[in-house]
Amino acid sequence: MGEGWGGGAPTMNVLHYIRSACVVIGCFALAAIVVLPASQIVLRELGAPFIGMEELARYFMIVVTFVGIPLVNYEGGHIRMDEIHRFIPISASAVLRVIIAIVSGAAFGVVVVAIYRSVVITMGSSTPTLGIPFWLFNAPAVLGLALGAIEFFLQAWRVARGQDDAAAPRIV
């Protein structure tokens, strides 16, 4: 958004560091998604494949997906129906955007609770090949969706205050 990732207030500074961590973790996960299958191909050709490489690559795909959610929400890059906003008054569009952001944040919160409950139920279980604990396998989803919910609520706050740069396009 226009004011950068920080903002000055202590809460905004914390969010800046969390967003930066998501970028770093996402970049590492993307690199792993490329390196792991490529190294598996080389290892297979050498006759020494690494058992579980696909499971590990799948884990990093999960990581990159869920650490990207809060960043997409923050940047306003999520899918939305701009056509609706083009044909209604600006004030109604702002109210609708606030409602959508709040409902989306609440939906993310419900999913976070559901995944967390699933993790608690399956505590002690692990993946079959590498033995990655299920809580670790699901941690990116819980964290990413929770941060995504926070970003939706912050977006609702920004829209309500008229400070959201990702406003819906208008018909001229």
C-alpha atoms as a PDB file:
ATOM      1  CA  MET A   1       0.000   0.000   0.000  1.00  0.00           C
ATOM      2  CA  GLY A   2       1.056   3.589  -0.291  1.00  0.00           C
ATOM      3  CA  GLU A   3       2.407   4.004   3.231  1.00  0.00           C
ATOM      4  CA  GLY A   4       4.858   1.119   2.970  1.00  0.00           C
ATOM      5  CA  TRP A   5       4.992  -1.955   5.138  1.00  0.00           C
ATOM      6  CA  GLY A   6       5.777  -0.137   8.337  1.00  0.00           C
ATOM      7  CA  GLY A   7       3.762   2.825   9.401  1.00  0.00           C
ATOM      8  CA  GLY A   8       5.407   4.093  12.577  1.00  0.00           C
ATOM      9  CA  ALA A   9       3.095   2.722  15.261  1.00  0.00           C
ATOM     10  CA  PRO A  10       4.500  -0.198  17.296  1.00  0.00           C
ATOM     11  CA  THR A  11       1.800  -2.533  15.957  1.00  0.00           C
ATOM     12  CA  MET A  12       2.619  -1.545  12.395  1.00  0.00           C
ATOM     13  CA  ASN A  13       6.327  -2.124  13.034  1.00  0.00           C
ATOM     14  CA  VAL A  14       5.589  -5.622  14.339  1.00  0.00           C
ATOM     15  CA  LEU A  15       3.457  -6.294  11.262  1.00  0.00           C
ATOM     16  CA  HIS A  16       6.284  -5.005   9.082  1.00  0.00           C
ATOM     17  CA  TYR A  17       8.646  -7.596  10.582  1.00  0.00           C
ATOM     18  CA  ILE A  18       6.062 -10.362  10.267  1.00  0.00           C
ATOM     19  CA  ARG A  19       5.475  -9.471   6.611  1.00  0.00           C
ATOM     20  CA  SER A  20       9.217  -9.377   5.999  1.00  0.00           C
ATOM     21  CA  ALA A  21       9.567 -12.804   7.637  1.00  0.00           C
ATOM     22  CA  CYS A  22       6.802 -14.119   5.374  1.00  0.00           C
ATOM     23  CA  VAL A  23       8.711 -12.835   2.333  1.00  0.00           C
ATOM     24  CA  VAL A  24      11.958 -14.482   3.482  1.00  0.00           C
ATOM     25  CA  ILE A  25      10.251 -17.774   4.358  1.00  0.00           C
ATOM     26  CA  GLY A  26       8.333 -17.703   1.069  1.00  0.00           C
ATOM     27  CA  CYS A  27      11.506 -17.118  -0.948  1.00  0.00           C
ATOM     28  CA  PHE A  28      13.259 -19.962   0.865  1.00  0.00           C
ATOM     29  CA  ALA A  29      10.273 -22.245   0.237  1.00  0.00           C
ATOM     30  CA  LEU A  30      10.209 -21.294  -3.466  1.00  0.00           C
ATOM     31  CA  ALA A  31      13.906 -22.069  -3.737  1.00  0.00           C
ATOM     32  CA  ALA A  32      13.304 -25.426  -2.030  1.00  0.00           C
ATOM     33  CA  ILE A  33      10.478 -26.208  -4.466  1.00  0.00           C
ATOM     34  CA  VAL A  34      12.933 -25.750  -7.330  1.00  0.00           C
ATOM     35  CA  VAL A  35      16.040 -27.301  -5.757  1.00  0.00           C
ATOM     36  CA  LEU A  36      14.488 -30.417  -4.204  1.00  0.00           C
ATOM     37  CA  PRO A  37      12.926 -31.941  -7.345  1.00  0.00           C
ATOM     38  CA  ALA A  38      15.971 -30.964  -9.425  1.00  0.00           C
ATOM     39  CA  SER A  39      18.311 -32.639  -6.967  1.00  0.00           C
ATOM     40  CA  GLN A  40      16.026 -35.689  -6.885  1.00  0.00           C
ATOM     41  CA  ILE A  41      16.363 -36.005 -10.667  1.00  0.00           C
ATOM     42  CA  VAL A  42      20.152 -35.870 -10.388  1.00  0.00           C
ATOM     43  CA  LEU A  43      20.188 -38.344  -7.501  1.00  0.00           C
ATOM     44  CA  ARG A  44      17.957 -40.784  -9.409  1.00  0.00           C
ATOM     45  CA  GLU A  45      20.324 -40.655 -12.360  1.00  0.00           C
ATOM     46  CA  LEU A  46      23.179 -41.447 -10.005  1.00  0.00           C
ATOM     47  CA  GLY A  47      21.221 -44.378  -8.616  1.00  0.00           C
ATOM     48  CA  ALA A  48      20.826 -42.871  -5.137  1.00  0.00           C
ATOM     49  CA  PRO A  49      17.388 -41.258  -4.891  1.00  0.00           C
ATOM     50  CA  PHE A  50      16.414 -39.555  -1.653  1.00  0.00           C
ATOM     51  CA  ILE A  51      13.339 -41.244  -0.226  1.00  0.00           C
ATOM     52  CA  GLY A  52      10.741 -38.656   0.766  1.00  0.00           C
ATOM     53  CA  MET A  53      11.947 -35.815  -1.448  1.00  0.00           C
ATOM     54  CA  GLU A  54       8.453 -35.450  -2.935  1.00  0.00           C
ATOM     55  CA  GLU A  55       6.943 -35.195   0.553  1.00  0.00           C
ATOM     56  CA  LEU A  56       9.434 -32.508   1.467  1.00  0.00           C
ATOM     57  CA  ALA A  57       8.739 -30.588  -1.752  1.00  0.00           C
ATOM     58  CA  ARG A  58       4.997 -30.863  -1.024  1.00  0.00           C
ATOM     59  CA  TYR A  59       5.602 -29.400   2.430  1.00  0.00           C
ATOM     60  CA  PHE A  60       7.395 -26.393   0.945  1.00  0.00           C
ATOM     61  CA  MET A  61       4.521 -25.905  -1.532  1.00  0.00           C
ATOM     62  CA  ILE A  62       2.207 -25.726   1.470  1.00  0.00           C
ATOM     63  CA  VAL A  63       4.551 -23.251   3.148  1.00  0.00           C
ATOM     64  CA  VAL A  64       4.790 -20.923   0.150  1.00  0.00           C
ATOM     65  CA  THR A  65       1.023 -21.001  -0.347  1.00  0.00           C
ATOM     66  CA  PHE A  66       0.130 -20.105   3.209  1.00  0.00           C
ATOM     67  CA  VAL A  67       2.882 -17.574   3.960  1.00  0.00           C
ATOM     68  CA  GLY A  68       1.810 -15.800   0.777  1.00  0.00           C
ATOM     69  CA  ILE A  69      -1.787 -15.325   1.930  1.00  0.00           C
ATOM     70  CA  PRO A  70      -1.166 -12.430   4.345  1.00  0.00           C
ATOM     71  CA  LEU A  71       1.052 -10.696   1.795  1.00  0.00           C
ATOM     72  CA  VAL A  72      -1.584 -10.983  -0.926  1.00  0.00           C
ATOM     73  CA  ASN A  73      -4.239  -9.681   1.460  1.00  0.00           C
ATOM     74  CA  TYR A  74      -2.036  -6.774   2.520  1.00  0.00           C
ATOM     75  CA  GLU A  75      -1.299  -5.772  -1.065  1.00  0.00           C
ATOM     76  CA  GLY A  76      -4.978  -6.099  -2.065  1.00  0.00           C
ATOM     77  CA  GLY A  77      -4.113  -8.768  -4.614  1.00  0.00           C
ATOM     78  CA  HIS A  78      -6.891 -11.178  -3.738  1.00  0.00           C
ATOM     79  CA  ILE A  79      -9.676 -11.914  -6.192  1.00  0.00           C
ATOM     80  CA  ARG A  80     -12.655  -9.609  -5.981  1.00  0.00           C
ATOM     81  CA  MET A  81     -15.653  -8.649  -8.061  1.00  0.00           C
ATOM     82  CA  ASP A  82     -14.704  -5.151  -9.202  1.00  0.00           C
ATOM     83  CA  GLU A  83     -17.643  -5.078 -11.608  1.00  0.00           C
ATOM     84  CA  ILE A  84     -20.063  -4.727  -8.682  1.00  0.00           C
ATOM     85  CA  HIS A  85     -18.128  -1.790  -7.253  1.00  0.00           C
ATOM     86  CA  ARG A  86     -18.047   0.026 -10.581  1.00  0.00           C
ATOM     87  CA  PHE A  87     -21.816   0.370 -10.721  1.00  0.00           C
ATOM     88  CA  ILE A  88     -22.664   1.388  -7.160  1.00  0.00           C
ATOM     89  CA  PRO A  89     -22.022   4.715  -5.409  1.00  0.00           C
ATOM     90  CA  ILE A  90     -18.599   5.211  -3.837  1.00  0.00           C
ATOM     91  CA  SER A  91     -19.999   5.269  -0.302  1.00  0.00           C
ATOM     92  CA  ALA A  92     -21.902   2.003  -0.871  1.00  0.00           C
ATOM     93  CA  SER A  93     -18.771   0.496  -2.394  1.00  0.00           C
ATOM     94  CA  ALA A  94     -16.757   1.412   0.710  1.00  0.00           C
ATOM     95  CA  VAL A  95     -19.383  -0.117   3.014  1.00  0.00           C
ATOM     96  CA  LEU A  96     -19.474  -3.261   0.877  1.00  0.00           C
ATOM     97  CA  ARG A  97     -15.670  -3.518   0.941  1.00  0.00           C
ATOM     98  CA  VAL A  98     -15.632  -3.202   4.739  1.00  0.00           C
ATOM     99  CA  ILE A  99     -18.284  -5.908   5.058  1.00  0.00           C
ATOM    100  CA  ILE A 100     -16.441  -8.194   2.641  1.00  0.00           C
ATOM    101  CA  ALA A 101     -13.144  -7.739   4.491  1.00  0.00           C
ATOM    102  CA  ILE A 102     -14.749  -8.455   7.876  1.00  0.00           C
ATOM    103  CA  VAL A 103     -16.597 -11.536   6.602  1.00  0.00           C
ATOM    104  CA  SER A 104     -13.434 -12.786   4.879  1.00  0.00           C
ATOM    105  CA  GLY A 105     -11.376 -12.287   8.034  1.00  0.00           C
ATOM    106  CA  ALA A 106     -14.009 -14.114  10.075  1.00  0.00           C
ATOM    107  CA  ALA A 107     -14.078 -16.983   7.551  1.00  0.00           C
ATOM    108  CA  PHE A 108     -10.296 -17.269   7.762  1.00  0.00           C
ATOM    109  CA  GLY A 109     -10.618 -17.310  11.548  1.00  0.00           C
ATOM    110  CA  VAL A 110     -13.115 -20.191  11.403  1.00  0.00           C
ATOM    111  CA  VAL A 111     -10.744 -22.167   9.183  1.00  0.00           C
ATOM    112  CA  VAL A 112      -7.848 -21.451  11.566  1.00  0.00           C
ATOM    113  CA  VAL A 113      -9.873 -22.853  14.460  1.00  0.00           C
ATOM    114  CA  ALA A 114     -10.848 -25.925  12.423  1.00  0.00           C
ATOM    115  CA  ILE A 115      -7.250 -26.638  11.399  1.00  0.00           C
ATOM    116  CA  TYR A 116      -6.034 -26.065  14.946  1.00  0.00           C
ATOM    117  CA  ARG A 117      -8.619 -28.525  16.282  1.00  0.00           C
ATOM    118  CA  SER A 118      -7.510 -31.024  13.643  1.00  0.00           C
ATOM    119  CA  VAL A 119      -3.897 -30.575  14.736  1.00  0.00           C
ATOM    120  CA  VAL A 120      -4.850 -31.160  18.374  1.00  0.00           C
ATOM    121  CA  ILE A 121      -6.774 -34.327  17.451  1.00  0.00           C
ATOM    122  CA  THR A 122      -3.896 -35.706  15.357  1.00  0.00           C
ATOM    123  CA  MET A 123      -1.157 -34.652  17.782  1.00  0.00           C
ATOM    124  CA  GLY A 124       1.501 -37.330  17.796  1.00  0.00           C
ATOM    125  CA  SER A 125       0.817 -38.366  14.190  1.00  0.00           C
ATOM    126  CA  SER A 126       3.343 -37.822  11.442  1.00  0.00           C
ATOM    127  CA  THR A 127       3.740 -38.146   7.701  1.00  0.00           C
ATOM    128  CA  PRO A 128       4.423 -41.678   6.468  1.00  0.00           C
ATOM    129  CA  THR A 129       7.731 -41.261   4.673  1.00  0.00           C
ATOM    130  CA  LEU A 130       9.774 -38.639   6.507  1.00  0.00           C
ATOM    131  CA  GLY A 131       7.898 -38.650   9.786  1.00  0.00           C
ATOM    132  CA  ILE A 132       7.197 -34.914   9.715  1.00  0.00           C
ATOM    133  CA  PRO A 133       4.814 -34.235  12.636  1.00  0.00           C
ATOM    134  CA  PHE A 134       1.348 -33.243  11.433  1.00  0.00           C
ATOM    135  CA  TRP A 135       1.415 -30.147  13.633  1.00  0.00           C
ATOM    136  CA  LEU A 136       4.481 -28.957  11.730  1.00  0.00           C
ATOM    137  CA  PHE A 137       2.867 -29.862   8.408  1.00  0.00           C
ATOM    138  CA  ASN A 138      -0.217 -27.793   9.338  1.00  0.00           C
ATOM    139  CA  ALA A 139       1.572 -24.911  11.086  1.00  0.00           C
ATOM    140  CA  PRO A 140       1.950 -22.845   7.878  1.00  0.00           C
ATOM    141  CA  ALA A 141      -1.806 -23.072   7.281  1.00  0.00           C
ATOM    142  CA  VAL A 142      -2.672 -21.991  10.822  1.00  0.00           C
ATOM    143  CA  LEU A 143      -0.162 -19.126  10.840  1.00  0.00           C
ATOM    144  CA  GLY A 144      -0.795 -17.987   7.271  1.00  0.00           C
ATOM    145  CA  LEU A 145      -4.570 -17.992   7.589  1.00  0.00           C
ATOM    146  CA  ALA A 146      -4.429 -16.293  10.995  1.00  0.00           C
ATOM    147  CA  LEU A 147      -2.195 -13.568   9.582  1.00  0.00           C
ATOM    148  CA  GLY A 148      -4.460 -13.381   6.531  1.00  0.00           C
ATOM    149  CA  ALA A 149      -7.449 -12.813   8.821  1.00  0.00           C
ATOM    150  CA  ILE A 150      -5.578 -10.020  10.595  1.00  0.00           C
ATOM    151  CA  GLU A 151      -4.762  -8.426   7.239  1.00  0.00           C
ATOM    152  CA  PHE A 152      -8.439  -8.591   6.226  1.00  0.00           C
ATOM    153  CA  PHE A 153      -9.469  -6.863   9.458  1.00  0.00           C
ATOM    154  CA  LEU A 154      -6.774  -4.226   8.928  1.00  0.00           C
ATOM    155  CA  GLN A 155      -8.012  -3.754   5.379  1.00  0.00           C
ATOM    156  CA  ALA A 156     -11.552  -3.198   6.704  1.00  0.00           C
ATOM    157  CA  TRP A 157     -10.144  -0.598   9.101  1.00  0.00           C
ATOM    158  CA  ARG A 158      -8.222   1.170   6.314  1.00  0.00           C
ATOM    159  CA  VAL A 159     -11.239   1.197   3.982  1.00  0.00           C
ATOM    160  CA  ALA A 160     -13.498   2.491   6.752  1.00  0.00           C
ATOM    161  CA  ARG A 161     -11.028   5.329   7.356  1.00  0.00           C
ATOM    162  CA  GLY A 162     -10.665   6.054   3.624  1.00  0.00           C
ATOM    163  CA  GLN A 163      -6.967   5.108   3.619  1.00  0.00           C
ATOM    164  CA  ASP A 164      -6.985   2.045   1.372  1.00  0.00           C
ATOM    165  CA  ASP A 165      -4.985   2.475  -1.843  1.00  0.00           C
ATOM    166  CA  ALA A 166      -6.504  -0.660  -3.388  1.00  0.00           C
ATOM    167  CA  ALA A 167      -9.864   0.973  -3.978  1.00  0.00           C
ATOM    168  CA  ALA A 168     -12.114  -0.589  -6.562  1.00  0.00           C
ATOM    169  CA  PRO A 169     -11.960   1.023 -10.022  1.00  0.00           C
ATOM    170  CA  ARG A 170     -14.745   3.454 -10.925  1.00  0.00           C
ATOM    171  CA  ILE A 171     -16.611   3.966 -14.200  1.00  0.00           C
ATOM    172  CA  VAL A 172     -15.779   7.402 -15.516  1.00  0.00           C
END
